[in-house]
Amino acid sequence: MSIRRRIAPDEGRVAVRAVLAGADDRPTVALASRFLLEQLAEEAEGHTVEVRVPPFGAVQAVEGPRHTRGTPPNVVEMDAATWIAIATGRETWDAALADLRITASGQRATLAENLPLRWGTMEA
């Protein structure tokens, strides 16, 4: 079952490209962050890891055991700049984690195998 997109792919790709080109206004960063979270949920469909990019959004992704109640056992959290950088391949998961810009708790709290995303190669 694929996710239901709330952001049109063309609109999301434009926002991501704008942020990568230097745009830092809140609406554009928010749109790019949310679009890439949707892309992660589609590419790494599942409910094992909760990925949070406050204050812009969160998704559950990665195949495996499903979390249903309380605090998720596998949580990844980072700021929007870090999320956009690792999701687009401008930076690696390992580098951002080593620099302490990602908080990851739980045995399965990693996105290393799922990044970078294929956001720019999607067909409209």
C-alpha atoms as a PDB file:
ATOM      1  CA  MET A   1       0.000   0.000   0.000  1.00  0.00           C
ATOM      2  CA  SER A   2       1.572   3.288  -1.026  1.00  0.00           C
ATOM      3  CA  ILE A   3       1.207   6.440   1.019  1.00  0.00           C
ATOM      4  CA  ARG A   4      -1.297   9.119   0.145  1.00  0.00           C
ATOM      5  CA  ARG A   5       0.687  12.157  -0.914  1.00  0.00           C
ATOM      6  CA  ARG A   6      -0.453  15.534   0.333  1.00  0.00           C
ATOM      7  CA  ILE A   7       2.166  17.478  -1.622  1.00  0.00           C
ATOM      8  CA  ALA A   8       2.144  17.404  -5.408  1.00  0.00           C
ATOM      9  CA  PRO A   9       5.457  15.908  -6.576  1.00  0.00           C
ATOM     10  CA  ASP A  10       6.232  18.829  -8.909  1.00  0.00           C
ATOM     11  CA  GLU A  11       5.601  21.352  -6.130  1.00  0.00           C
ATOM     12  CA  GLY A  12       7.747  19.363  -3.695  1.00  0.00           C
ATOM     13  CA  ARG A  13      10.650  19.016  -6.123  1.00  0.00           C
ATOM     14  CA  VAL A  14      10.605  22.772  -6.779  1.00  0.00           C
ATOM     15  CA  ALA A  15      10.817  23.448  -3.031  1.00  0.00           C
ATOM     16  CA  VAL A  16      13.688  20.999  -2.549  1.00  0.00           C
ATOM     17  CA  ARG A  17      15.627  22.505  -5.447  1.00  0.00           C
ATOM     18  CA  ALA A  18      15.035  25.997  -4.037  1.00  0.00           C
ATOM     19  CA  VAL A  19      16.383  25.003  -0.609  1.00  0.00           C
ATOM     20  CA  LEU A  20      19.394  23.333  -2.194  1.00  0.00           C
ATOM     21  CA  ALA A  21      20.008  26.573  -4.102  1.00  0.00           C
ATOM     22  CA  GLY A  22      19.989  28.580  -0.862  1.00  0.00           C
ATOM     23  CA  ALA A  23      16.370  29.437  -0.065  1.00  0.00           C
ATOM     24  CA  ASP A  24      15.876  29.487   3.683  1.00  0.00           C
ATOM     25  CA  ASP A  25      12.407  30.969   4.138  1.00  0.00           C
ATOM     26  CA  ARG A  26      10.200  28.947   6.468  1.00  0.00           C
ATOM     27  CA  PRO A  27       7.431  28.043   3.965  1.00  0.00           C
ATOM     28  CA  THR A  28       9.898  26.670   1.411  1.00  0.00           C
ATOM     29  CA  VAL A  29      11.934  24.738   3.994  1.00  0.00           C
ATOM     30  CA  ALA A  30       8.722  23.342   5.485  1.00  0.00           C
ATOM     31  CA  LEU A  31       7.422  22.227   2.096  1.00  0.00           C
ATOM     32  CA  ALA A  32      10.748  20.633   1.137  1.00  0.00           C
ATOM     33  CA  SER A  33      11.001  18.836   4.489  1.00  0.00           C
ATOM     34  CA  ARG A  34       7.461  17.478   4.335  1.00  0.00           C
ATOM     35  CA  PHE A  35       7.831  16.420   0.714  1.00  0.00           C
ATOM     36  CA  LEU A  36      11.019  14.485   1.497  1.00  0.00           C
ATOM     37  CA  LEU A  37       9.347  12.856   4.523  1.00  0.00           C
ATOM     38  CA  GLU A  38       6.543  11.712   2.217  1.00  0.00           C
ATOM     39  CA  GLN A  39       9.130  10.399  -0.209  1.00  0.00           C
ATOM     40  CA  LEU A  40      10.850   8.444   2.580  1.00  0.00           C
ATOM     41  CA  ALA A  41       7.533   6.922   3.659  1.00  0.00           C
ATOM     42  CA  GLU A  42       6.937   5.829   0.072  1.00  0.00           C
ATOM     43  CA  GLU A  43      10.431   4.466  -0.641  1.00  0.00           C
ATOM     44  CA  ALA A  44      10.938   2.812   2.756  1.00  0.00           C
ATOM     45  CA  GLU A  45       7.359   1.829   3.453  1.00  0.00           C
ATOM     46  CA  GLY A  46       6.790   0.468   6.944  1.00  0.00           C
ATOM     47  CA  HIS A  47       6.193   1.371  10.562  1.00  0.00           C
ATOM     48  CA  THR A  48       9.389   0.434  12.396  1.00  0.00           C
ATOM     49  CA  VAL A  49      11.135   3.812  12.636  1.00  0.00           C
ATOM     50  CA  GLU A  50       9.521   7.143  13.407  1.00  0.00           C
ATOM     51  CA  VAL A  51      11.374   9.949  11.629  1.00  0.00           C
ATOM     52  CA  ARG A  52      10.832  13.409  13.106  1.00  0.00           C
ATOM     53  CA  VAL A  53      11.806  16.758  11.600  1.00  0.00           C
ATOM     54  CA  PRO A  54      10.349  19.259  14.057  1.00  0.00           C
ATOM     55  CA  PRO A  55       8.407  21.413  13.672  1.00  0.00           C
ATOM     56  CA  PHE A  56       7.589  20.363  10.124  1.00  0.00           C
ATOM     57  CA  GLY A  57       6.560  16.734  10.318  1.00  0.00           C
ATOM     58  CA  ALA A  58       7.074  13.105  11.158  1.00  0.00           C
ATOM     59  CA  VAL A  59       6.491   9.808   9.383  1.00  0.00           C
ATOM     60  CA  GLN A  60       6.771   6.150  10.162  1.00  0.00           C
ATOM     61  CA  ALA A  61       8.942   4.220   7.749  1.00  0.00           C
ATOM     62  CA  VAL A  62      11.151   1.156   7.296  1.00  0.00           C
ATOM     63  CA  GLU A  63       9.803  -2.365   7.037  1.00  0.00           C
ATOM     64  CA  GLY A  64       9.741  -4.447  10.189  1.00  0.00           C
ATOM     65  CA  PRO A  65       7.809  -4.715  13.451  1.00  0.00           C
ATOM     66  CA  ARG A  66       4.948  -2.252  13.690  1.00  0.00           C
ATOM     67  CA  HIS A  67       4.722   0.166  16.590  1.00  0.00           C
ATOM     68  CA  THR A  68       1.177   0.720  17.875  1.00  0.00           C
ATOM     69  CA  ARG A  69       1.135   2.390  21.323  1.00  0.00           C
ATOM     70  CA  GLY A  70       3.136   4.763  23.470  1.00  0.00           C
ATOM     71  CA  THR A  71       6.585   6.057  22.668  1.00  0.00           C
ATOM     72  CA  PRO A  72       7.991   4.429  19.528  1.00  0.00           C
ATOM     73  CA  PRO A  73      10.981   2.149  20.227  1.00  0.00           C
ATOM     74  CA  ASN A  74      12.903   3.448  17.190  1.00  0.00           C
ATOM     75  CA  VAL A  75      13.012   7.205  16.757  1.00  0.00           C
ATOM     76  CA  VAL A  76      15.179   9.372  14.516  1.00  0.00           C
ATOM     77  CA  GLU A  77      15.064  13.139  14.916  1.00  0.00           C
ATOM     78  CA  MET A  78      16.932  15.998  13.261  1.00  0.00           C
ATOM     79  CA  ASP A  79      16.502  19.579  12.115  1.00  0.00           C
ATOM     80  CA  ALA A  80      15.255  20.440   8.648  1.00  0.00           C
ATOM     81  CA  ALA A  81      18.657  21.432   7.238  1.00  0.00           C
ATOM     82  CA  THR A  82      20.154  18.090   8.231  1.00  0.00           C
ATOM     83  CA  TRP A  83      17.142  16.167   6.927  1.00  0.00           C
ATOM     84  CA  ILE A  84      17.223  17.874   3.541  1.00  0.00           C
ATOM     85  CA  ALA A  85      21.000  17.378   3.257  1.00  0.00           C
ATOM     86  CA  ILE A  86      20.918  13.637   3.979  1.00  0.00           C
ATOM     87  CA  ALA A  87      17.690  12.972   2.073  1.00  0.00           C
ATOM     88  CA  THR A  88      19.122  14.536  -1.085  1.00  0.00           C
ATOM     89  CA  GLY A  89      22.592  13.015  -0.784  1.00  0.00           C
ATOM     90  CA  ARG A  90      24.362  16.296  -0.068  1.00  0.00           C
ATOM     91  CA  GLU A  91      25.567  14.681   3.135  1.00  0.00           C
ATOM     92  CA  THR A  92      25.733  11.132   4.461  1.00  0.00           C
ATOM     93  CA  TRP A  93      23.798   9.645   7.325  1.00  0.00           C
ATOM     94  CA  ASP A  94      27.033   8.598   9.036  1.00  0.00           C
ATOM     95  CA  ALA A  95      28.570  12.086   8.872  1.00  0.00           C
ATOM     96  CA  ALA A  96      25.475  13.784  10.290  1.00  0.00           C
ATOM     97  CA  LEU A  97      25.180  11.148  13.015  1.00  0.00           C
ATOM     98  CA  ALA A  98      28.861  11.518  13.931  1.00  0.00           C
ATOM     99  CA  ASP A  99      28.422  15.315  14.144  1.00  0.00           C
ATOM    100  CA  LEU A 100      25.532  14.754  16.602  1.00  0.00           C
ATOM    101  CA  ARG A 101      23.006  16.456  14.315  1.00  0.00           C
ATOM    102  CA  ILE A 102      20.836  13.339  14.348  1.00  0.00           C
ATOM    103  CA  THR A 103      19.337  11.806  17.462  1.00  0.00           C
ATOM    104  CA  ALA A 104      18.662   8.102  16.946  1.00  0.00           C
ATOM    105  CA  SER A 105      17.296   5.847  19.664  1.00  0.00           C
ATOM    106  CA  GLY A 106      16.413   2.186  19.344  1.00  0.00           C
ATOM    107  CA  GLN A 107      18.077  -0.857  17.816  1.00  0.00           C
ATOM    108  CA  ARG A 108      16.621  -0.219  14.361  1.00  0.00           C
ATOM    109  CA  ALA A 109      16.842   3.592  14.408  1.00  0.00           C
ATOM    110  CA  THR A 110      18.833   4.106  11.223  1.00  0.00           C
ATOM    111  CA  LEU A 111      18.086   5.348   7.746  1.00  0.00           C
ATOM    112  CA  ALA A 112      21.551   4.682   6.326  1.00  0.00           C
ATOM    113  CA  GLU A 113      20.288   2.014   3.921  1.00  0.00           C
ATOM    114  CA  ASN A 114      17.370   4.157   2.744  1.00  0.00           C
ATOM    115  CA  LEU A 115      19.226   7.348   1.814  1.00  0.00           C
ATOM    116  CA  PRO A 116      19.599   9.318  -0.355  1.00  0.00           C
ATOM    117  CA  LEU A 117      16.043   9.377  -1.635  1.00  0.00           C
ATOM    118  CA  ARG A 118      15.062   9.294  -5.308  1.00  0.00           C
ATOM    119  CA  TRP A 119      13.110  12.559  -5.074  1.00  0.00           C
ATOM    120  CA  GLY A 120      14.613  14.168  -8.169  1.00  0.00           C
ATOM    121  CA  THR A 121      14.082  11.193 -10.466  1.00  0.00           C
ATOM    122  CA  MET A 122      10.398  10.719  -9.784  1.00  0.00           C
ATOM    123  CA  GLU A 123       8.044  10.994 -12.711  1.00  0.00           C
ATOM    124  CA  ALA A 124       5.277  13.546 -12.337  1.00  0.00           C
END
